[in-house]
Every structure is written in C-alpha cells, then in structure tokens.
C-alpha cells in the first residue's frame, strides 16, 4: 500500500494551498514557508479586544479570538476561498488543529460546555455540499474536549454570499436570520460559536442573540480569521 501511495504522490503530488508548490511528507495543506507567512492576530486578552468591541452594545460576548488576519491580498484570503468555494476541507482541519492546540494550551476556554458552528442555509448547504466550519469546529472539539452540536442552530433565510458584498452592505444586511431548537438544552451552558471570517460581526451577532434569552446561557466566539 505504501508503494502504491508513493507512486500516486509522484504523479499527483499534494500542493500547498497557499503557493501551489509541492508539499513535503511532513507538511499538511500549506508549506512551512506559507505557514510562517500567515498573519496571526496574536490576541493576548480574550475578554477585551477588537473582536469583542464589534459586538459592544449589541449582544454580550464573553470571550473572542481569531487565529489569523484576513486582508485583501494575503495567504489567509486564499485559504478561506479554497475552503469555501473549491472543496478543500483539509484547510478547515489544518486551521482547526492549529487553533485547537493553541486553545488547549491557553486554557482560556476551559469553561466552554458546547461548540456550535455557524450554520449554512439548507439551500446553500445542498449546493456547496458541506459547511466549511464543521471540520474546523470538530478539531477544536477534539482539542478542548467539548461536544460539537450542529443540529440545534439553523439558518432560516438564504442570503447572497457575504464575501461578495461590500463592508457597508454586510453591516446593513438584515436578512440573515437564525432559529434555535431545544432552548432547554442550552440553559446554564457556555456556548462557543465558531465561524470562518468575522468582518462586521453581523452574522455572529445574529447567532448569539438566539442564545441571549436563555437562562444563564453565555456565548463566546472563535473564528479562523478576522478582518481588521
């Protein structure tokens, strides 16, 4: 089997999602050079930062963290687009492993009870074939040893992709609505919402508000990337 695998990779080598160069056996998804070039946010304060500020006066977020900066022209943007539109779900695994290891070491999210991925509308899920944050959330779940629950928060309105909208259009988009099933399940729980990119925070705000009226329920947020 290993001989066949070696021959397969000779003719169909795995390429870096960032620069398209051939990966070595010890590299996964991105090469070492591209990984070192990824712009980490290096947020130190999980309770007071620019991500938390995006929700100020709108909904209470306990803690927030994003792994990378998402900018107009950088490797992060290419990775997210590969993940969302080209079916490369290994990117979600790669970023989930990276962030999961970090969260485990920091122990900042030890009080989390359950992880909830931001859902896609069923029409978009059907057309895309997968939710790009599920595997990301699964890896975080593995590292911090908390369950991933993906069937209780649903998106009940389909909107045009946020990536193609201007920042102002995303901010004023009131069509994104969510519905939460089984409110009793979340009573007294600390929920960790996971998503790919946070820009204005409108989508995560809408999700968080679904939990805001549940008794003793708290919400924190982590994302793959953040637009500063």
Protein backbone atom coordinates (compact mmCIF):
# COMPACT_ATOMS: atom_id res chain seq x y z
CA UNK A 1 0.00 0.00 0.00
CA UNK A 2 2.82 2.40 0.86
CA UNK A 3 4.49 1.72 -2.51
CA UNK A 4 1.24 2.49 -4.32
CA UNK A 5 0.80 5.63 -2.22
CA UNK A 6 4.33 6.81 -3.01
CA UNK A 7 3.77 6.25 -6.72
CA UNK A 8 0.43 8.08 -6.56
CA UNK A 9 2.02 11.12 -4.95
CA UNK A 10 4.81 11.13 -7.54
CA UNK A 11 2.27 11.58 -10.33
CA UNK A 12 -0.29 13.53 -8.26
CA UNK A 13 1.72 15.42 -5.62
CA UNK A 14 -0.03 17.30 -2.86
CA UNK A 15 0.34 21.03 -3.37
CA UNK A 16 0.44 23.89 -0.93
CA UNK A 17 -2.91 25.70 -0.79
CA UNK A 18 -1.03 28.96 -0.47
CA UNK A 19 1.66 28.87 -3.16
CA UNK A 20 0.88 25.68 -5.12
CA UNK A 21 4.35 24.28 -4.52
CA UNK A 22 4.80 20.57 -3.79
CA UNK A 23 4.40 19.67 -0.12
CA UNK A 24 6.92 17.51 1.68
CA UNK A 25 5.84 14.41 3.62
CA UNK A 26 5.86 16.38 6.87
CA UNK A 27 3.72 19.22 5.54
CA UNK A 28 -0.09 19.33 5.54
CA UNK A 29 -2.22 21.71 3.45
CA UNK A 30 0.33 24.56 3.44
CA UNK A 31 4.10 24.55 3.18
CA UNK A 32 6.31 25.71 6.01
CA UNK A 33 7.08 29.00 4.25
CA UNK A 34 3.42 29.87 3.74
CA UNK A 35 2.53 28.88 7.29
CA UNK A 36 5.22 31.21 8.61
CA UNK A 37 3.80 33.97 6.40
CA UNK A 38 0.25 33.61 7.73
CA UNK A 39 -0.55 36.77 9.73
CA UNK A 40 -1.52 35.65 13.24
CA UNK A 41 -3.55 38.07 15.32
CA UNK A 42 -1.62 37.16 18.48
CA UNK A 43 -4.51 38.41 20.62
CA UNK A 44 -3.47 38.26 24.27
CA UNK A 45 -6.63 39.47 26.01
CA UNK A 46 -9.61 37.24 25.21
CA UNK A 47 -12.09 39.47 27.06
CA UNK A 48 -11.03 42.89 25.76
CA UNK A 49 -10.09 43.12 22.09
CA UNK A 50 -11.28 44.49 18.75
CA UNK A 51 -13.46 41.45 18.09
CA UNK A 52 -15.31 41.93 21.37
CA UNK A 53 -15.67 45.63 20.50
CA UNK A 54 -17.56 44.72 17.31
CA UNK A 55 -20.41 43.38 19.48
CA UNK A 56 -20.46 46.20 22.03
CA UNK A 57 -23.99 47.42 22.71
CA UNK A 58 -25.49 44.71 20.51
CA UNK A 59 -25.04 41.39 22.26
CA UNK A 60 -22.89 40.20 25.14
CA UNK A 61 -19.89 38.10 24.14
CA UNK A 62 -17.80 36.67 26.97
CA UNK A 63 -14.59 35.95 25.08
CA UNK A 64 -13.47 36.16 21.47
CA UNK A 65 -10.47 35.07 19.44
CA UNK A 66 -9.46 34.84 15.78
CA UNK A 67 -6.42 32.93 14.61
CA UNK A 68 -5.44 35.00 11.56
CA UNK A 69 -5.91 38.38 9.95
CA UNK A 70 -7.97 38.34 6.74
CA UNK A 71 -6.85 41.04 4.34
CA UNK A 72 -7.43 41.94 0.71
CA UNK A 73 -4.32 40.25 -0.60
CA UNK A 74 -2.77 37.64 1.66
CA UNK A 75 -2.46 33.89 2.06
CA UNK A 76 -5.33 33.81 4.57
CA UNK A 77 -7.80 35.04 1.96
CA UNK A 78 -6.65 32.39 -0.50
CA UNK A 79 -7.01 29.63 2.09
CA UNK A 80 -10.54 30.70 3.08
CA UNK A 81 -11.63 30.89 -0.55
CA UNK A 82 -10.13 27.46 -1.26
CA UNK A 83 -12.04 26.12 1.73
CA UNK A 84 -15.39 27.74 0.92
CA UNK A 85 -15.55 27.52 -2.85
CA UNK A 86 -13.14 24.82 -4.02
CA UNK A 87 -13.99 22.00 -1.65
CA UNK A 88 -10.65 21.87 0.15
CA UNK A 89 -11.99 20.90 3.57
CA UNK A 90 -8.49 19.93 4.72
CA UNK A 91 -7.96 23.66 5.26
CA UNK A 92 -10.63 23.57 7.95
CA UNK A 93 -8.83 20.62 9.55
CA UNK A 94 -5.47 22.42 9.36
CA UNK A 95 -6.78 25.64 10.92
CA UNK A 96 -8.82 23.70 13.49
CA UNK A 97 -5.74 21.75 14.59
CA UNK A 98 -3.71 24.94 14.85
CA UNK A 99 -6.32 26.85 16.84
CA UNK A 100 -7.34 23.82 18.87
CA UNK A 101 -3.79 23.24 20.09
CA UNK A 102 -3.50 26.91 21.00
CA UNK A 103 -6.77 26.96 22.95
CA UNK A 104 -5.81 23.81 24.79
CA UNK A 105 -2.51 25.36 25.84
CA UNK A 106 -4.05 28.68 26.85
CA UNK A 107 -6.88 27.06 28.85
CA UNK A 108 -8.92 30.23 28.28
CA UNK A 109 -11.92 28.26 27.07
CA UNK A 110 -11.95 25.51 29.70
CA UNK A 111 -15.36 26.66 30.91
CA UNK A 112 -16.97 26.07 27.50
CA UNK A 113 -19.76 23.48 27.59
CA UNK A 114 -20.64 23.08 23.93
CA UNK A 115 -19.35 24.16 20.50
CA UNK A 116 -21.85 25.39 17.89
CA UNK A 117 -20.82 26.05 14.26
CA UNK A 118 -22.49 28.87 12.37
CA UNK A 119 -24.90 27.05 10.03
CA UNK A 120 -25.50 27.42 6.31
CA UNK A 121 -28.97 27.72 4.89
CA UNK A 122 -30.15 24.34 3.63
CA UNK A 123 -30.14 25.57 0.01
CA UNK A 124 -26.53 26.69 0.21
CA UNK A 125 -25.56 23.54 2.07
CA UNK A 126 -27.09 21.50 -0.71
CA UNK A 127 -25.33 23.44 -3.46
CA UNK A 128 -21.94 23.55 -1.71
CA UNK A 129 -22.17 20.05 -0.27
CA UNK A 130 -20.61 20.91 3.09
CA UNK A 131 -20.46 23.53 5.81
CA UNK A 132 -16.93 24.93 5.72
CA UNK A 133 -16.72 25.41 9.50
CA UNK A 134 -17.77 21.90 10.58
CA UNK A 135 -14.35 20.25 10.35
CA UNK A 136 -12.78 23.34 11.87
CA UNK A 137 -15.16 23.01 14.81
CA UNK A 138 -14.61 19.26 15.05
CA UNK A 139 -10.88 19.72 15.54
CA UNK A 140 -11.40 22.38 18.20
CA UNK A 141 -13.86 19.98 19.85
CA UNK A 142 -11.15 17.31 19.87
CA UNK A 143 -8.52 19.50 21.49
CA UNK A 144 -10.62 21.15 24.20
CA UNK A 145 -12.73 18.02 24.73
CA UNK A 146 -16.13 19.64 24.37
CA UNK A 147 -19.01 18.35 22.18
CA UNK A 148 -19.83 19.88 18.80
CA UNK A 149 -23.57 20.39 18.32
CA UNK A 150 -24.55 21.24 14.76
CA UNK A 151 -28.27 20.41 14.64
CA UNK A 152 -29.82 22.92 17.05
CA UNK A 153 -28.98 26.27 15.45
CA UNK A 154 -30.30 26.66 11.89
CA UNK A 155 -30.29 29.43 9.34
CA UNK A 156 -33.82 30.18 8.21
CA UNK A 157 -33.17 32.73 5.47
CA UNK A 158 -30.89 32.45 2.48
CA UNK A 159 -28.78 35.50 1.61
CA UNK A 160 -26.25 36.33 -1.07
CA UNK A 161 -22.74 35.34 -0.10
CA UNK A 162 -21.24 37.83 2.36
CA UNK A 163 -17.81 37.58 0.74
CA UNK A 164 -19.03 39.34 -2.40
CA UNK A 165 -20.71 42.19 -0.54
CA UNK A 166 -19.17 45.48 0.50
CA UNK A 167 -18.48 46.09 4.17
CA UNK A 168 -21.43 48.53 4.35
CA UNK A 169 -23.79 46.06 2.68
CA UNK A 170 -22.77 43.35 5.14
CA UNK A 171 -23.34 45.72 8.04
CA UNK A 172 -26.81 46.71 6.87
CA UNK A 173 -27.89 43.22 5.81
CA UNK A 174 -30.89 42.38 7.97
CA UNK A 175 -31.89 39.26 6.04
CA UNK A 176 -29.64 36.85 7.91
CA UNK A 177 -31.84 35.14 10.49
CA UNK A 178 -31.32 32.08 12.64
CA UNK A 179 -33.52 29.83 14.72
CA UNK A 180 -32.58 27.82 17.77
CA UNK A 181 -34.20 24.50 18.57
CA UNK A 182 -34.36 22.97 22.06
CA UNK A 183 -33.69 26.04 24.20
CA UNK A 184 -33.68 23.89 27.33
CA UNK A 185 -30.54 22.13 26.15
CA UNK A 186 -28.58 25.39 26.47
CA UNK A 187 -29.83 26.52 29.88
CA UNK A 188 -26.81 27.30 32.05
CA UNK A 189 -24.35 26.44 29.28
CA UNK A 190 -21.43 28.41 27.90
CA UNK A 191 -21.63 28.20 24.10
CA UNK A 192 -18.63 28.60 21.80
CA UNK A 193 -19.73 29.83 18.36
CA UNK A 194 -17.27 29.02 15.56
CA UNK A 195 -17.14 30.62 12.12
CA UNK A 196 -14.70 31.24 9.29
CA UNK A 197 -14.25 35.03 8.96
CA UNK A 198 -15.55 37.86 11.11
CA UNK A 199 -15.94 41.23 9.41
CA UNK A 200 -18.64 43.43 10.96
CA UNK A 201 -19.76 40.62 13.26
CA UNK A 202 -23.35 40.78 11.96
CA UNK A 203 -23.72 37.04 11.37
CA UNK A 204 -22.26 36.04 14.72
CA UNK A 205 -24.32 38.74 16.41
CA UNK A 206 -27.50 37.26 14.95
CA UNK A 207 -26.46 33.80 16.13
CA UNK A 208 -25.52 35.00 19.61
CA UNK A 209 -28.85 36.76 20.05
CA UNK A 210 -30.60 33.41 19.72
CA UNK A 211 -28.92 32.38 22.97
CA UNK A 212 -29.32 35.71 24.78
CA UNK A 213 -32.77 34.98 26.23
CA UNK A 214 -31.85 31.56 27.59
CA UNK A 215 -31.39 31.44 31.34
CA UNK A 216 -27.74 31.60 32.43
CA UNK A 217 -26.51 30.95 28.88
CA UNK A 218 -23.24 32.62 27.89
CA UNK A 219 -21.63 32.94 24.44
CA UNK A 220 -18.03 33.17 23.29
CA UNK A 221 -16.69 33.29 19.74
CA UNK A 222 -13.69 31.93 17.82
CA UNK A 223 -13.03 32.24 14.10
CA UNK A 224 -10.42 31.24 11.57
CA UNK A 225 -9.78 34.86 10.64
CA UNK A 226 -10.68 38.46 11.37
CA UNK A 227 -10.85 41.49 9.07
CA UNK A 228 -9.19 44.35 10.91
